Amino acid sequence: MRIGKSFLLLACLISLAGCVTQSRKPPPPALISNAVPIGFDAGIRIVTTDRYRFFTISPPIIEGLHRAAHGEPVNILALSGGGSGGAFGAGALAGLTQAHQRPDFQLVTGVSAGALIAPFAFLGSAWDPALQDAFGGERSYLLHSPTSSFLARLLLPSGLGSGGRLYKLVDHFVTTQMVADVAAETSKGRRLIVATTDLDKRETVLWDMGVIAAHGGDTARQLFRDVLIASASVPGMFPPVIIHVSDGEHAYDELHVDGSVTTPLFITPLVADVISTSLDQLNGSNVYVIVNGQLASPPQETSLQTTALLGKSFSAQLMYKTKETIALIDSVTREHHMSLRIAVIPADYPGHSFADFRPKSLRRLFDYGADCASRGLLWATIVQGIRRDQAEAIADEHAAASCPGVEAASSESESEMR
């Protein structure tokens, strides 16, 4: 009888999940097509495997980055996905402001939680109060769901369309002023790039948010907002975003979700990593990577329940993909004589969970990131970051976490670290 009731409940949930599914038009039939969001041109985005388009758009973009750097090395900031770990990256930026150590970034990229942080990072310290409000302040409650069951969240994502918690948060901080300021900074040569995953294509799509912003009006604000929402829409936690596109003759619908489904972070499109000579003009740049998650964690017994297995598997996949991507970025930066610094939530940070959006937890992680940055202990080399996470993966999970970076008096020389 108990099994029958459980099965009936599951069937009801599945039935309800089907009821809230939005109808949609078919997607564009080709992987690389000229279909774009209605009212915009092809300049707003690129599929990361589109070699022809990359070689067409990259020269003027790189030229603009150098112009914005005023003869200094180009500063690149990459913000990773990580769910609730985004509070760490948000706090880190606020802490860098407090310490007067925040670089002027010519290129800012973001994925998932990192995409939500990216506009604030791009616009600078004047936007820190709004950033703290979203990730460590009053509005952070919108990211928390009272639904504790992963299965319930999977079957009934919170709030399709304009009723969702994520929608309400992003719609609040993507103001007309933010969009106008992004457009103004883009006109100086700077770039703000955000990744989503096109589920129909199963490809990463990179969106030039400054080009979207430059379109102006409420149409620009809406697409700007929707791309950010899509990039952060973790499957099973938040609903996907339908983006209406047209090739001039036919109308289609694309389904976009969390960018970290296909890439946890990036500094360039995938094609640029494969054909690395295309980055020669960025030789000598400074690359800063903020990982809004852990690269290792203390071993914890995993329940045999299906929901626990799904959640743990997703977390493990993201962690491994992030380490893999960082290794690729390290290879690219070495080849192009770039300086690479990373910041990561250490393995000894107690009780961190990808899905813990409780306001108290977000505030604690925000304050932790801010404290580390304000004390000059945010950035580490890739060797330091990986060594610390490997060494501390067996640490007591209730111990107080140390900051990602190392003291300036570290005995390791720069040559040893790089």
Protein backbone atom coordinates (compact mmCIF):
# COMPACT_ATOMS: atom_id res chain seq x y z
CA MET A 1 0.00 0.00 0.00
CA ARG A 2 2.84 2.36 0.89
CA ILE A 3 4.58 1.62 -2.40
CA GLY A 4 1.35 2.27 -4.26
CA LYS A 5 0.95 5.69 -2.63
CA SER A 6 4.54 6.62 -3.42
CA PHE A 7 4.11 5.62 -7.04
CA LEU A 8 0.86 7.59 -7.23
CA LEU A 9 2.57 10.69 -5.81
CA LEU A 10 5.41 10.38 -8.33
CA ALA A 11 2.92 9.99 -11.17
CA CYS A 12 1.05 13.10 -10.02
CA LEU A 13 4.25 15.12 -9.87
CA ILE A 14 5.24 14.01 -13.36
CA SER A 15 1.77 14.88 -14.62
CA LEU A 16 1.96 18.34 -13.05
CA ALA A 17 5.44 18.86 -14.50
CA GLY A 18 3.98 18.18 -17.94
CA CYS A 19 1.23 20.69 -17.34
CA VAL A 20 3.63 23.59 -16.69
CA THR A 21 5.76 22.90 -19.76
CA GLN A 22 5.66 25.84 -22.15
CA SER A 23 4.76 25.33 -25.81
CA ARG A 24 7.37 26.38 -28.33
CA LYS A 25 8.21 26.56 -32.03
CA PRO A 26 10.85 24.23 -33.53
CA PRO A 27 14.52 25.32 -33.31
CA PRO A 28 16.57 26.51 -36.30
CA PRO A 29 17.41 23.46 -38.44
CA ALA A 30 21.16 24.17 -38.86
CA LEU A 31 23.91 24.17 -36.24
CA ILE A 32 25.37 27.38 -37.63
CA SER A 33 22.56 29.57 -38.93
CA ASN A 34 21.73 33.23 -39.46
CA ALA A 35 18.75 33.08 -37.13
CA VAL A 36 19.03 35.72 -34.40
CA PRO A 37 16.80 37.15 -31.67
CA ILE A 38 14.12 39.27 -33.29
CA GLY A 39 15.25 42.87 -33.77
CA PHE A 40 18.98 42.14 -33.41
CA ASP A 41 21.77 41.26 -35.84
CA ALA A 42 24.31 38.44 -35.82
CA GLY A 43 26.87 40.55 -33.96
CA ILE A 44 25.36 39.79 -30.56
CA ARG A 45 26.53 36.16 -30.28
CA ILE A 46 28.62 33.25 -31.54
CA VAL A 47 28.42 29.48 -31.27
CA THR A 48 31.82 28.57 -29.82
CA THR A 49 32.61 26.11 -32.61
CA ASP A 50 31.88 28.63 -35.40
CA ARG A 51 35.39 29.02 -36.81
CA TYR A 52 34.48 31.38 -39.66
CA ARG A 53 32.60 33.81 -37.45
CA PHE A 54 35.32 33.79 -34.81
CA PHE A 55 37.99 34.84 -37.29
CA THR A 56 35.66 37.56 -38.57
CA ILE A 57 34.84 39.16 -35.24
CA SER A 58 38.01 38.59 -33.18
CA PRO A 59 40.36 41.20 -34.78
CA PRO A 60 38.18 44.25 -33.99
CA ILE A 61 37.39 42.88 -30.52
CA ILE A 62 41.05 42.37 -29.65
CA GLU A 63 41.90 45.78 -31.08
CA GLY A 64 39.25 47.32 -28.86
CA LEU A 65 40.61 45.55 -25.76
CA HIS A 66 44.06 46.99 -26.39
CA ARG A 67 42.57 50.44 -26.95
CA ALA A 68 40.73 50.22 -23.63
CA ALA A 69 43.92 49.07 -21.86
CA HIS A 70 45.73 52.30 -22.86
CA GLY A 71 49.02 50.59 -23.65
CA GLU A 72 49.02 48.39 -20.53
CA PRO A 73 48.54 44.59 -20.57
CA VAL A 74 44.93 43.55 -21.16
CA ASN A 75 43.20 42.36 -17.96
CA ILE A 76 40.80 39.43 -18.40
CA LEU A 77 38.41 38.24 -15.68
CA ALA A 78 36.66 34.87 -15.99
CA LEU A 79 33.85 34.09 -13.54
CA SER A 80 32.83 30.44 -13.27
CA GLY A 81 29.53 28.76 -12.53
CA GLY A 82 28.92 27.27 -9.12
CA GLY A 83 25.34 27.79 -7.96
CA SER A 84 25.31 29.33 -4.51
CA GLY A 85 29.10 29.66 -4.75
CA GLY A 86 28.49 32.86 -6.70
CA ALA A 87 28.35 34.61 -3.34
CA PHE A 88 32.09 33.94 -3.02
CA GLY A 89 32.90 35.72 -6.28
CA ALA A 90 30.62 38.62 -5.45
CA GLY A 91 32.28 39.05 -2.06
CA ALA A 92 35.73 38.76 -3.62
CA LEU A 93 35.03 41.71 -5.93
CA ALA A 94 33.72 43.80 -3.05
CA GLY A 95 36.81 42.93 -0.99
CA LEU A 96 39.14 43.91 -3.83
CA THR A 97 37.42 47.30 -3.89
CA GLN A 98 37.93 47.69 -0.13
CA ALA A 99 41.62 46.89 -0.52
CA HIS A 100 42.01 49.24 -3.51
CA GLN A 101 43.35 46.23 -5.41
CA ARG A 102 40.63 45.74 -8.01
CA PRO A 103 42.06 45.69 -11.55
CA ASP A 104 40.37 47.48 -14.41
CA PHE A 105 39.15 44.57 -16.51
CA GLN A 106 38.97 45.05 -20.26
CA LEU A 107 37.30 41.66 -20.82
CA VAL A 108 34.87 40.06 -18.38
CA THR A 109 33.33 36.65 -19.03
CA GLY A 110 30.71 34.84 -16.96
CA VAL A 111 28.93 31.51 -16.80
CA SER A 112 25.88 30.66 -14.68
CA ALA A 113 26.34 32.28 -11.25
CA GLY A 114 29.38 34.00 -12.74
CA ALA A 115 27.16 35.49 -15.44
CA LEU A 116 25.01 37.17 -12.80
CA ILE A 117 28.12 38.68 -11.22
CA ALA A 118 29.71 39.66 -14.54
CA PRO A 119 27.83 42.94 -15.25
CA PHE A 120 28.77 44.24 -11.78
CA ALA A 121 32.39 43.21 -12.27
CA PHE A 122 32.38 44.90 -15.67
CA LEU A 123 30.89 48.17 -14.44
CA GLY A 124 33.21 48.54 -11.47
CA SER A 125 33.09 49.33 -7.78
CA ALA A 126 30.27 51.88 -8.03
CA TRP A 127 27.94 48.90 -8.44
CA ASP A 128 29.20 47.03 -5.35
CA PRO A 129 26.16 47.92 -3.18
CA ALA A 130 23.80 46.39 -5.77
CA LEU A 131 26.07 43.35 -6.05
CA GLN A 132 26.00 42.80 -2.30
CA ASP A 133 22.22 43.23 -2.25
CA ALA A 134 21.84 40.46 -4.84
CA PHE A 135 24.27 37.92 -3.35
CA GLY A 136 24.72 38.79 0.28
CA GLY A 137 21.97 41.19 1.20
CA GLU A 138 18.23 41.62 1.34
CA ARG A 139 17.43 40.32 -2.15
CA SER A 140 19.42 37.10 -1.83
CA TYR A 141 16.31 35.47 -0.32
CA LEU A 142 14.90 35.23 -3.86
CA LEU A 143 17.44 32.51 -4.70
CA HIS A 144 16.30 30.30 -1.84
CA SER A 145 13.52 27.78 -2.32
CA PRO A 146 11.60 26.36 0.63
CA THR A 147 11.31 23.14 -1.38
CA SER A 148 13.90 20.81 0.09
CA SER A 149 13.35 17.83 -2.20
CA PHE A 150 15.67 17.70 -5.20
CA LEU A 151 13.10 15.51 -6.96
CA ALA A 152 10.36 18.08 -6.41
CA ARG A 153 12.60 20.85 -7.78
CA LEU A 154 13.48 18.64 -10.75
CA LEU A 155 9.86 17.95 -11.63
CA LEU A 156 8.48 21.34 -10.68
CA PRO A 157 11.09 24.03 -11.40
CA SER A 158 10.20 27.20 -9.55
CA GLY A 159 8.31 29.74 -11.56
CA LEU A 160 8.20 29.49 -15.32
CA GLY A 161 8.48 32.77 -17.19
CA SER A 162 8.00 35.97 -15.24
CA GLY A 163 6.90 34.21 -12.06
CA GLY A 164 10.23 32.63 -11.17
CA ARG A 165 12.48 33.56 -8.26
CA LEU A 166 15.52 33.90 -10.51
CA TYR A 167 13.54 36.06 -12.93
CA LYS A 168 12.50 38.42 -10.12
CA LEU A 169 16.08 38.80 -8.89
CA VAL A 170 17.62 39.45 -12.31
CA ASP A 171 14.77 41.66 -13.49
CA HIS A 172 15.30 43.82 -10.40
CA PHE A 173 19.00 44.51 -10.92
CA VAL A 174 19.05 44.68 -14.75
CA THR A 175 17.93 48.27 -14.87
CA THR A 176 17.84 50.70 -17.76
CA GLN A 177 20.84 52.39 -16.14
CA MET A 178 22.85 49.15 -16.02
CA VAL A 179 22.19 48.44 -19.70
CA ALA A 180 23.11 52.02 -20.68
CA ASP A 181 26.34 51.88 -18.65
CA VAL A 182 27.34 48.55 -20.22
CA ALA A 183 26.77 50.04 -23.67
CA ALA A 184 28.89 53.08 -22.79
CA GLU A 185 31.80 50.96 -21.55
CA THR A 186 31.59 48.72 -24.61
CA SER A 187 31.98 51.78 -26.84
CA LYS A 188 35.44 52.22 -25.27
CA GLY A 189 36.52 48.81 -26.55
CA ARG A 190 35.77 46.74 -23.46
CA ARG A 191 33.76 43.52 -23.70
CA LEU A 192 31.28 41.68 -21.46
CA ILE A 193 30.63 38.12 -22.66
CA VAL A 194 28.20 35.62 -21.12
CA ALA A 195 27.69 31.93 -21.96
CA THR A 196 24.48 29.94 -22.23
CA THR A 197 23.84 26.38 -23.37
CA ASP A 198 21.57 25.94 -26.39
CA LEU A 199 19.94 22.61 -25.54
CA ASP A 200 18.70 22.02 -29.09
CA LYS A 201 22.22 22.39 -30.47
CA ARG A 202 23.92 21.03 -27.33
CA GLU A 203 26.45 23.82 -27.82
CA THR A 204 27.82 26.77 -25.87
CA VAL A 205 26.65 30.16 -27.13
CA LEU A 206 28.61 33.29 -26.21
CA TRP A 207 26.62 36.53 -26.01
CA ASP A 208 28.20 39.96 -26.41
CA MET A 209 26.19 41.79 -23.76
CA GLY A 210 27.58 45.18 -24.76
CA VAL A 211 26.31 44.82 -28.33
CA ILE A 212 22.92 43.82 -26.94
CA ALA A 213 22.97 46.86 -24.64
CA ALA A 214 23.93 49.19 -27.48
CA HIS A 215 20.69 48.30 -29.26
CA GLY A 216 18.94 50.45 -26.66
CA GLY A 217 15.41 50.59 -25.36
CA ASP A 218 13.35 48.05 -23.48
CA THR A 219 14.05 45.41 -26.14
CA ALA A 220 17.73 45.51 -25.22
CA ARG A 221 16.98 45.35 -21.50
CA GLN A 222 14.70 42.35 -21.94
CA LEU A 223 17.20 40.32 -23.98
CA PHE A 224 20.04 41.35 -21.66
CA ARG A 225 17.98 40.10 -18.71
CA ASP A 226 16.84 36.90 -20.42
CA VAL A 227 20.38 35.89 -21.41
CA LEU A 228 21.56 36.31 -17.82
CA ILE A 229 18.61 34.27 -16.55
CA ALA A 230 19.27 31.54 -19.11
CA SER A 231 22.96 31.37 -18.22
CA ALA A 232 22.10 30.82 -14.56
CA SER A 233 19.13 28.47 -15.07
CA VAL A 234 20.50 25.28 -13.52
CA PRO A 235 18.39 22.40 -14.91
CA GLY A 236 16.13 21.03 -12.20
CA MET A 237 16.41 24.16 -10.06
CA PHE A 238 15.26 26.88 -12.47
CA PRO A 239 13.26 26.62 -15.71
CA PRO A 240 14.86 27.01 -19.16
CA VAL A 241 14.52 30.22 -21.15
CA ILE A 242 12.90 30.27 -24.59
CA ILE A 243 14.47 32.83 -26.92
CA HIS A 244 12.52 33.73 -30.06
CA VAL A 245 14.69 34.00 -33.18
CA SER A 246 14.19 34.57 -36.90
CA ASP A 247 16.25 34.15 -40.06
CA GLY A 248 14.19 36.77 -41.88
CA GLU A 249 11.82 34.22 -43.37
CA HIS A 250 10.96 31.80 -40.61
CA ALA A 251 10.45 32.16 -36.88
CA TYR A 252 12.00 29.65 -34.46
CA ASP A 253 12.40 29.10 -30.76
CA GLU A 254 15.66 28.23 -29.01
CA LEU A 255 15.84 26.67 -25.56
CA HIS A 256 18.70 28.01 -23.43
CA VAL A 257 19.86 26.86 -19.99
CA ASP A 258 22.81 27.12 -17.62
CA GLY A 259 26.04 27.81 -19.49
CA SER A 260 27.96 25.46 -17.19
CA VAL A 261 26.09 22.49 -18.66
CA THR A 262 28.64 22.73 -21.49
CA THR A 263 31.40 24.98 -20.11
CA PRO A 264 32.12 25.94 -16.48
CA LEU A 265 34.17 29.02 -17.44
CA PHE A 266 36.03 30.47 -20.43
CA ILE A 267 38.37 33.20 -21.57
CA THR A 268 37.86 32.61 -25.32
CA PRO A 269 35.57 30.58 -27.61
CA LEU A 270 36.41 26.89 -27.93
CA VAL A 271 37.69 27.34 -31.47
CA ALA A 272 40.32 29.82 -30.21
CA ASP A 273 41.69 27.22 -27.78
CA VAL A 274 42.05 24.75 -30.64
CA ILE A 275 43.65 27.25 -33.03
CA SER A 276 45.77 29.02 -30.45
CA THR A 277 47.67 31.28 -32.86
CA SER A 278 44.50 33.36 -33.07
CA LEU A 279 45.33 34.66 -29.57
CA ASP A 280 48.83 35.90 -30.36
CA GLN A 281 47.63 39.50 -30.15
CA LEU A 282 46.74 38.92 -26.50
CA ASN A 283 50.25 37.82 -25.54
CA GLY A 284 51.29 39.19 -22.15
CA SER A 285 47.75 39.69 -20.84
CA ASN A 286 46.78 39.21 -17.21
CA VAL A 287 44.16 36.50 -16.63
CA TYR A 288 42.18 36.36 -13.38
CA VAL A 289 39.89 33.39 -12.75
CA ILE A 290 37.36 33.30 -9.93
CA VAL A 291 36.07 29.77 -9.35
CA ASN A 292 32.73 29.98 -7.55
CA GLY A 293 33.14 26.48 -6.17
CA GLN A 294 35.61 23.99 -4.79
CA LEU A 295 38.14 21.93 -6.72
CA ALA A 296 38.08 19.26 -4.03
CA SER A 297 36.05 18.45 -0.95
CA PRO A 298 36.30 16.19 2.09
CA PRO A 299 34.98 12.66 1.42
CA GLN A 300 31.38 12.27 2.54
CA GLU A 301 29.27 9.13 2.46
CA THR A 302 26.77 9.25 -0.38
CA SER A 303 23.24 8.01 0.18
CA LEU A 304 21.92 5.34 -2.19
CA GLN A 305 18.74 7.34 -2.72
CA THR A 306 18.22 8.40 -6.32
CA THR A 307 17.91 12.10 -5.51
CA ALA A 308 21.17 12.10 -3.54
CA LEU A 309 22.94 10.25 -6.34
CA LEU A 310 21.71 12.76 -8.93
CA GLY A 311 22.75 15.77 -6.86
CA LYS A 312 26.17 14.37 -5.97
CA SER A 313 26.80 13.29 -9.56
CA PHE A 314 26.00 16.78 -10.91
CA SER A 315 28.32 18.36 -8.35
CA ALA A 316 31.14 15.92 -9.16
CA GLN A 317 30.74 16.51 -12.88
CA LEU A 318 30.94 20.29 -12.47
CA MET A 319 33.98 20.02 -10.20
CA TYR A 320 35.86 17.80 -12.64
CA LYS A 321 34.92 19.89 -15.69
CA THR A 322 36.13 23.00 -13.88
CA LYS A 323 39.51 21.44 -13.11
CA GLU A 324 39.79 20.27 -16.70
CA THR A 325 38.97 23.74 -18.04
CA ILE A 326 41.44 25.42 -15.68
CA ALA A 327 44.14 23.07 -16.96
CA LEU A 328 43.29 24.15 -20.53
CA ILE A 329 43.35 27.82 -19.56
CA ASP A 330 46.71 27.29 -17.86
CA SER A 331 48.08 25.75 -21.07
CA VAL A 332 46.79 28.68 -23.17
CA THR A 333 48.20 31.29 -20.79
CA ARG A 334 51.62 29.61 -20.73
CA GLU A 335 51.74 29.49 -24.50
CA HIS A 336 50.90 33.18 -24.75
CA HIS A 337 53.08 34.36 -21.84
CA MET A 338 50.08 35.49 -19.84
CA SER A 339 50.00 35.87 -16.06
CA LEU A 340 47.36 33.59 -14.51
CA ARG A 341 45.85 34.01 -11.05
CA ILE A 342 42.96 32.01 -9.64
CA ALA A 343 40.68 32.30 -6.63
CA VAL A 344 38.75 29.27 -5.45
CA ILE A 345 36.62 28.29 -2.47
CA PRO A 346 39.09 26.12 -0.52
CA ALA A 347 38.30 22.51 0.25
CA ASP A 348 38.38 23.32 3.96
CA TYR A 349 35.53 25.85 3.70
CA PRO A 350 32.97 24.19 5.99
CA GLY A 351 29.69 22.78 4.76
CA HIS A 352 29.63 24.34 1.29
CA SER A 353 26.90 23.06 -1.03
CA PHE A 354 26.25 24.00 -4.65
CA ALA A 355 22.51 24.21 -3.93
CA ASP A 356 22.56 26.01 -0.55
CA PHE A 357 20.83 29.30 -1.34
CA ARG A 358 19.78 30.09 2.21
CA PRO A 359 20.38 33.83 2.78
CA LYS A 360 22.47 33.11 5.88
CA SER A 361 24.78 30.81 3.92
CA LEU A 362 25.10 33.27 1.05
CA ARG A 363 25.98 36.13 3.40
CA ARG A 364 28.59 34.00 5.17
CA LEU A 365 30.25 33.04 1.89
CA PHE A 366 30.05 36.63 0.59
CA ASP A 367 31.75 37.92 3.75
CA TYR A 368 34.39 35.20 3.51
CA GLY A 369 35.30 36.14 -0.08
CA ALA A 370 35.36 39.84 0.84
CA ASP A 371 37.58 39.20 3.85
CA CYS A 372 40.11 37.16 1.87
CA ALA A 373 40.29 39.80 -0.86
CA SER A 374 40.56 42.74 1.54
CA ARG A 375 43.52 41.03 3.27
CA GLY A 376 45.33 40.42 -0.02
CA LEU A 377 44.84 36.64 0.18
CA LEU A 378 42.49 36.06 -2.74
CA TRP A 379 44.71 35.28 -5.69
CA ALA A 380 46.90 32.22 -6.00
CA THR A 381 48.77 30.60 -8.86
CA ILE A 382 47.24 27.47 -10.31
CA VAL A 383 49.85 25.33 -8.53
CA GLN A 384 49.06 26.90 -5.18
CA GLY A 385 45.32 26.56 -5.71
CA ILE A 386 45.49 22.90 -6.69
CA ARG A 387 48.00 21.99 -3.99
CA ARG A 388 45.87 23.56 -1.29
CA ASP A 389 42.73 21.79 -2.43
CA GLN A 390 44.50 18.46 -2.71
CA ALA A 391 46.08 18.82 0.70
CA GLU A 392 42.97 20.05 2.44
CA ALA A 393 40.43 17.69 0.90
CA ILE A 394 40.78 15.55 4.01
CA ALA A 395 40.55 18.49 6.41
CA ASP A 396 38.01 18.61 9.21
CA GLU A 397 34.89 20.01 7.54
CA HIS A 398 34.05 21.96 10.70
CA ALA A 399 37.38 23.77 10.82
CA ALA A 400 37.62 27.45 9.95
CA ALA A 401 38.63 27.87 6.32
CA SER A 402 41.82 29.64 5.31
CA CYS A 403 41.85 32.00 2.33
CA PRO A 404 42.59 30.82 -1.22
CA GLY A 405 45.85 32.74 -1.61
CA VAL A 406 49.10 32.57 0.29
CA GLU A 407 50.95 35.10 2.39
CA ALA A 408 53.31 37.38 0.48
CA ALA A 409 56.18 35.82 2.41
CA SER A 410 55.65 32.43 0.72
CA SER A 411 58.94 30.66 0.12
CA GLU A 412 57.88 29.53 -3.34
CA SER A 413 59.41 31.62 -6.09
CA GLU A 414 57.42 32.77 -9.10
CA SER A 415 59.37 30.41 -11.35
CA GLU A 416 58.51 27.46 -9.14
CA MET A 417 54.83 28.36 -9.17
CA ARG A 418 54.63 28.93 -12.91
